[in-house]
Every structure is written in C-alpha cells, then in structure tokens.
C-alpha cells in the first residue's frame, strides 16, 4: 500500500507530523538569549519558547516534553482535518 493509496486525512496527518517534527527539531538548536537573572533559566528568552529544556533540566519531562508532544499531535490533527476536507472537496468534483 503506497502513498497514493492512502486516504487524504492520513496524508494530511503525516505531512503535519513531518512539519511539526522539523519545527521542533530546528527550534531545539536555536539560540537562547539570557539577560542574566539566574542560573535556573528565569530571564532566558527563546524565539520559540520550546527550548527552555536547555536551562531547566528538572522539568524536562514535565512541561517542555508535554508541550512538544501536544504540538506534534495537534499539527497531526490539523493536517488530518485539512486532508479530510480536501478529500471531501475532491470527491464532489468527480
């Protein structure tokens, strides 16, 4: 079963998943700007806010990991909805 045989909602979900993974991985390596308030990360500003794990290792799996998983799942769902709508529109044209 190849890519062309998949339903549109699944194609959209996979595209959303890939986009979210690329965004997540690219933001983990973005620079973080600190204004020097403390060593625990307060006062550090990231362009995306996702890579706060670099400065607060205690909450690595508490807050940031949950945000990343929520981001990935939400983009999969958004992609699946867009793919489902696209499939409905394409079926009407036939």
N, C-alpha and C. Protein backbone atom coordinates (compact mmCIF):
# COMPACT_ATOMS: atom_id res chain seq x y z
N UNK A 1 0.85 -1.18 0.00
CA UNK A 1 0.00 0.00 0.00
C UNK A 1 0.89 1.24 0.00
N UNK A 2 0.93 1.91 -1.12
CA UNK A 2 1.80 3.07 -1.28
C UNK A 2 1.12 4.36 -0.86
N UNK A 3 1.87 5.43 -1.00
CA UNK A 3 1.42 6.76 -0.63
C UNK A 3 0.16 7.15 -1.38
N UNK A 4 0.05 6.77 -2.64
CA UNK A 4 -1.10 7.14 -3.46
C UNK A 4 -2.38 6.43 -3.02
N UNK A 5 -2.26 5.32 -2.34
CA UNK A 5 -3.42 4.56 -1.89
C UNK A 5 -3.96 5.03 -0.54
N UNK A 6 -3.22 5.87 0.16
CA UNK A 6 -3.64 6.33 1.48
C UNK A 6 -4.79 7.32 1.33
N UNK A 7 -5.61 7.40 2.36
CA UNK A 7 -6.69 8.38 2.35
C UNK A 7 -6.11 9.78 2.58
N UNK A 8 -6.88 10.78 2.18
CA UNK A 8 -6.38 12.16 2.24
C UNK A 8 -6.16 12.61 3.68
N UNK A 9 -6.98 12.17 4.63
CA UNK A 9 -6.79 12.61 6.00
C UNK A 9 -5.48 12.05 6.56
N UNK A 10 -5.11 10.82 6.14
CA UNK A 10 -3.87 10.23 6.62
C UNK A 10 -2.66 10.93 5.99
N UNK A 11 -2.77 11.26 4.71
CA UNK A 11 -1.69 12.02 4.05
C UNK A 11 -1.50 13.38 4.72
N UNK A 12 -2.61 14.07 4.98
CA UNK A 12 -2.51 15.36 5.65
C UNK A 12 -1.93 15.24 7.05
N UNK A 13 -2.31 14.19 7.77
CA UNK A 13 -1.77 13.98 9.11
C UNK A 13 -0.28 13.70 9.10
N UNK A 14 0.17 12.91 8.13
CA UNK A 14 1.60 12.61 8.03
C UNK A 14 2.37 13.87 7.64
N UNK A 15 1.85 14.66 6.73
CA UNK A 15 2.51 15.92 6.36
C UNK A 15 2.58 16.85 7.57
N UNK A 16 1.50 16.95 8.34
CA UNK A 16 1.51 17.76 9.55
C UNK A 16 2.51 17.24 10.57
N UNK A 17 2.62 15.92 10.69
CA UNK A 17 3.57 15.31 11.61
C UNK A 17 5.01 15.64 11.21
N UNK A 18 5.31 15.53 9.94
CA UNK A 18 6.66 15.83 9.46
C UNK A 18 6.99 17.31 9.68
N UNK A 19 6.05 18.18 9.39
CA UNK A 19 6.28 19.62 9.59
C UNK A 19 6.52 19.92 11.07
N UNK A 20 5.71 19.31 11.95
CA UNK A 20 5.89 19.57 13.38
C UNK A 20 7.21 19.03 13.89
N UNK A 21 7.65 17.88 13.40
CA UNK A 21 8.94 17.35 13.82
C UNK A 21 10.09 18.24 13.33
N UNK A 22 9.98 18.75 12.11
CA UNK A 22 11.02 19.64 11.60
C UNK A 22 11.08 20.94 12.41
N UNK A 23 9.92 21.49 12.74
CA UNK A 23 9.89 22.71 13.55
C UNK A 23 10.46 22.45 14.93
N UNK A 24 10.07 21.33 15.54
CA UNK A 24 10.54 21.01 16.89
C UNK A 24 12.04 20.80 16.90
N UNK A 25 12.56 20.04 15.96
CA UNK A 25 14.00 19.78 15.93
C UNK A 25 14.80 21.03 15.60
N UNK A 26 14.28 21.87 14.72
CA UNK A 26 15.02 23.09 14.39
C UNK A 26 15.03 24.09 15.53
N UNK A 27 13.96 24.14 16.32
CA UNK A 27 13.94 25.10 17.42
C UNK A 27 14.78 24.65 18.60
N UNK A 28 15.09 23.38 18.68
CA UNK A 28 15.94 22.92 19.78
C UNK A 28 17.37 23.43 19.65
N UNK A 29 17.75 23.82 18.45
CA UNK A 29 19.11 24.30 18.23
C UNK A 29 19.19 25.80 17.99
N UNK A 30 18.08 26.50 18.23
CA UNK A 30 18.08 27.96 18.10
C UNK A 30 18.75 28.58 19.32
N UNK A 31 19.34 29.73 19.15
CA UNK A 31 19.99 30.38 20.30
C UNK A 31 18.96 30.86 21.32
N UNK A 32 19.39 30.84 22.56
CA UNK A 32 18.56 31.33 23.65
C UNK A 32 19.28 32.54 24.24
N UNK A 33 18.56 33.60 24.43
CA UNK A 33 19.14 34.84 24.93
C UNK A 33 18.81 35.01 26.40
N UNK A 34 19.84 35.13 27.22
CA UNK A 34 19.64 35.30 28.66
C UNK A 34 20.06 36.71 29.07
N UNK A 35 19.28 37.26 29.97
CA UNK A 35 19.63 38.59 30.47
C UNK A 35 20.29 38.49 31.84
N UNK A 36 20.61 37.26 32.25
CA UNK A 36 21.43 37.05 33.42
C UNK A 36 20.76 37.20 34.76
N UNK A 37 19.50 36.83 34.89
CA UNK A 37 18.83 36.95 36.18
C UNK A 37 19.22 35.82 37.13
N UNK A 38 19.23 34.60 36.63
CA UNK A 38 19.61 33.48 37.48
C UNK A 38 20.06 32.31 36.63
N UNK A 39 20.60 31.28 37.27
CA UNK A 39 21.10 30.13 36.54
C UNK A 39 20.01 29.11 36.23
N UNK A 40 18.86 29.21 36.85
CA UNK A 40 17.82 28.20 36.61
C UNK A 40 16.99 28.49 35.36
N UNK A 41 17.32 29.50 34.61
CA UNK A 41 16.64 29.75 33.34
C UNK A 41 15.66 30.89 33.36
N UNK A 42 15.32 31.41 34.52
CA UNK A 42 14.41 32.55 34.52
C UNK A 42 15.16 33.75 33.96
N UNK A 43 14.56 34.42 33.06
CA UNK A 43 15.20 35.53 32.39
C UNK A 43 15.75 35.15 31.04
N UNK A 44 15.67 33.88 30.66
CA UNK A 44 16.13 33.43 29.35
C UNK A 44 14.96 33.47 28.39
N UNK A 45 15.21 34.00 27.21
CA UNK A 45 14.17 34.17 26.21
C UNK A 45 14.58 33.43 24.95
N UNK A 46 13.69 32.61 24.44
CA UNK A 46 13.92 31.90 23.19
C UNK A 46 12.96 32.43 22.14
N UNK A 47 13.36 32.44 20.88
CA UNK A 47 12.44 32.89 19.84
C UNK A 47 11.16 32.07 19.78
N UNK A 48 11.23 30.80 20.16
CA UNK A 48 10.05 29.94 20.09
C UNK A 48 9.52 29.54 21.46
N UNK A 49 10.35 29.54 22.47
CA UNK A 49 9.93 29.12 23.79
C UNK A 49 9.98 27.63 24.01
N UNK A 50 10.31 26.86 22.98
CA UNK A 50 10.30 25.40 23.09
C UNK A 50 11.57 24.89 23.75
N UNK A 51 12.70 25.56 23.54
CA UNK A 51 13.96 25.01 24.02
C UNK A 51 14.34 25.48 25.42
N UNK A 52 13.38 25.66 26.28
CA UNK A 52 13.68 26.02 27.66
C UNK A 52 14.31 24.86 28.41
N UNK A 53 14.25 23.66 27.85
CA UNK A 53 14.85 22.48 28.47
C UNK A 53 16.36 22.63 28.63
N UNK A 54 16.98 23.52 27.87
CA UNK A 54 18.43 23.71 27.96
C UNK A 54 18.83 24.27 29.32
N UNK A 55 17.90 24.95 29.99
CA UNK A 55 18.25 25.64 31.23
C UNK A 55 17.54 25.09 32.45
N UNK A 56 16.55 24.28 32.28
CA UNK A 56 15.81 23.75 33.42
C UNK A 56 15.65 22.25 33.26
N UNK A 57 16.67 21.50 33.68
CA UNK A 57 16.67 20.06 33.47
C UNK A 57 15.70 19.32 34.39
N UNK A 58 15.26 19.93 35.47
CA UNK A 58 14.35 19.26 36.39
C UNK A 58 12.98 19.06 35.77
N UNK A 59 12.55 19.97 34.95
CA UNK A 59 11.21 19.85 34.37
C UNK A 59 11.26 19.42 32.91
N UNK A 60 12.31 18.69 32.53
CA UNK A 60 12.45 18.26 31.14
C UNK A 60 11.25 17.43 30.70
N UNK A 61 10.83 16.50 31.51
CA UNK A 61 9.73 15.64 31.13
C UNK A 61 8.39 16.11 31.70
N UNK A 62 8.39 17.19 32.44
CA UNK A 62 7.15 17.70 33.00
C UNK A 62 6.45 18.65 32.04
N UNK A 63 7.06 19.77 31.77
CA UNK A 63 6.40 20.82 31.00
C UNK A 63 6.77 20.78 29.52
N UNK A 64 8.06 20.85 29.23
CA UNK A 64 8.50 21.01 27.86
C UNK A 64 8.19 19.78 27.02
N UNK A 65 8.41 18.60 27.56
CA UNK A 65 8.14 17.38 26.81
C UNK A 65 6.65 17.28 26.49
N UNK A 66 5.82 17.64 27.43
CA UNK A 66 4.38 17.64 27.19
C UNK A 66 3.97 18.64 26.14
N UNK A 67 4.60 19.81 26.14
CA UNK A 67 4.31 20.83 25.14
C UNK A 67 4.72 20.34 23.75
N UNK A 68 5.87 19.69 23.65
CA UNK A 68 6.33 19.18 22.36
C UNK A 68 5.39 18.10 21.84
N UNK A 69 4.98 17.18 22.70
CA UNK A 69 4.05 16.12 22.29
C UNK A 69 2.72 16.73 21.88
N UNK A 70 2.23 17.69 22.64
CA UNK A 70 0.97 18.36 22.30
C UNK A 70 1.08 19.09 20.96
N UNK A 71 2.21 19.72 20.70
CA UNK A 71 2.44 20.42 19.44
C UNK A 71 2.43 19.44 18.26
N UNK A 72 3.12 18.30 18.42
CA UNK A 72 3.19 17.31 17.35
C UNK A 72 1.82 16.71 17.08
N UNK A 73 1.11 16.34 18.13
CA UNK A 73 -0.22 15.75 17.96
C UNK A 73 -1.20 16.75 17.37
N UNK A 74 -1.12 17.99 17.82
CA UNK A 74 -2.07 18.98 17.30
C UNK A 74 -1.83 19.27 15.82
N UNK A 75 -0.58 19.31 15.38
CA UNK A 75 -0.33 19.52 13.96
C UNK A 75 -0.73 18.30 13.13
N UNK A 76 -0.61 17.09 13.71
CA UNK A 76 -1.12 15.90 13.01
C UNK A 76 -2.63 16.00 12.83
N UNK A 77 -3.33 16.41 13.88
CA UNK A 77 -4.79 16.53 13.80
C UNK A 77 -5.20 17.63 12.82
N UNK A 78 -4.52 18.77 12.86
CA UNK A 78 -4.82 19.84 11.91
C UNK A 78 -4.59 19.38 10.48
N UNK A 79 -3.48 18.69 10.25
CA UNK A 79 -3.20 18.16 8.91
C UNK A 79 -4.23 17.13 8.48
N UNK A 80 -4.68 16.30 9.41
CA UNK A 80 -5.69 15.30 9.09
C UNK A 80 -7.02 15.96 8.74
N UNK A 81 -7.38 17.00 9.45
CA UNK A 81 -8.63 17.72 9.16
C UNK A 81 -8.55 18.40 7.80
N UNK A 82 -7.42 19.04 7.51
CA UNK A 82 -7.25 19.67 6.20
C UNK A 82 -7.29 18.62 5.09
N UNK A 83 -6.64 17.48 5.30
CA UNK A 83 -6.68 16.41 4.31
C UNK A 83 -8.08 15.84 4.13
N UNK A 84 -8.83 15.72 5.21
CA UNK A 84 -10.20 15.22 5.13
C UNK A 84 -11.08 16.18 4.33
N UNK A 85 -10.94 17.47 4.60
CA UNK A 85 -11.71 18.48 3.86
C UNK A 85 -11.32 18.45 2.38
N UNK A 86 -10.03 18.34 2.10
CA UNK A 86 -9.56 18.27 0.72
C UNK A 86 -10.14 17.04 0.01
N UNK A 87 -10.18 15.91 0.72
CA UNK A 87 -10.76 14.69 0.14
C UNK A 87 -12.25 14.85 -0.16
N UNK A 88 -12.97 15.52 0.73
CA UNK A 88 -14.40 15.76 0.51
C UNK A 88 -14.62 16.65 -0.71
N UNK A 89 -13.80 17.69 -0.85
CA UNK A 89 -13.93 18.60 -1.99
C UNK A 89 -13.59 17.86 -3.29
N UNK A 90 -12.56 17.05 -3.25
CA UNK A 90 -12.15 16.33 -4.44
C UNK A 90 -13.19 15.29 -4.86
N UNK A 91 -13.88 14.67 -3.88
CA UNK A 91 -14.93 13.71 -4.21
C UNK A 91 -16.12 14.39 -4.88
N UNK A 92 -16.42 15.61 -4.50
CA UNK A 92 -17.53 16.36 -5.11
C UNK A 92 -17.28 16.66 -6.58
N UNK A 93 -16.02 16.90 -6.91
CA UNK A 93 -15.68 17.26 -8.28
C UNK A 93 -15.78 16.08 -9.24
N UNK A 94 -15.80 14.87 -8.72
CA UNK A 94 -15.85 13.69 -9.59
C UNK A 94 -17.20 13.45 -10.13
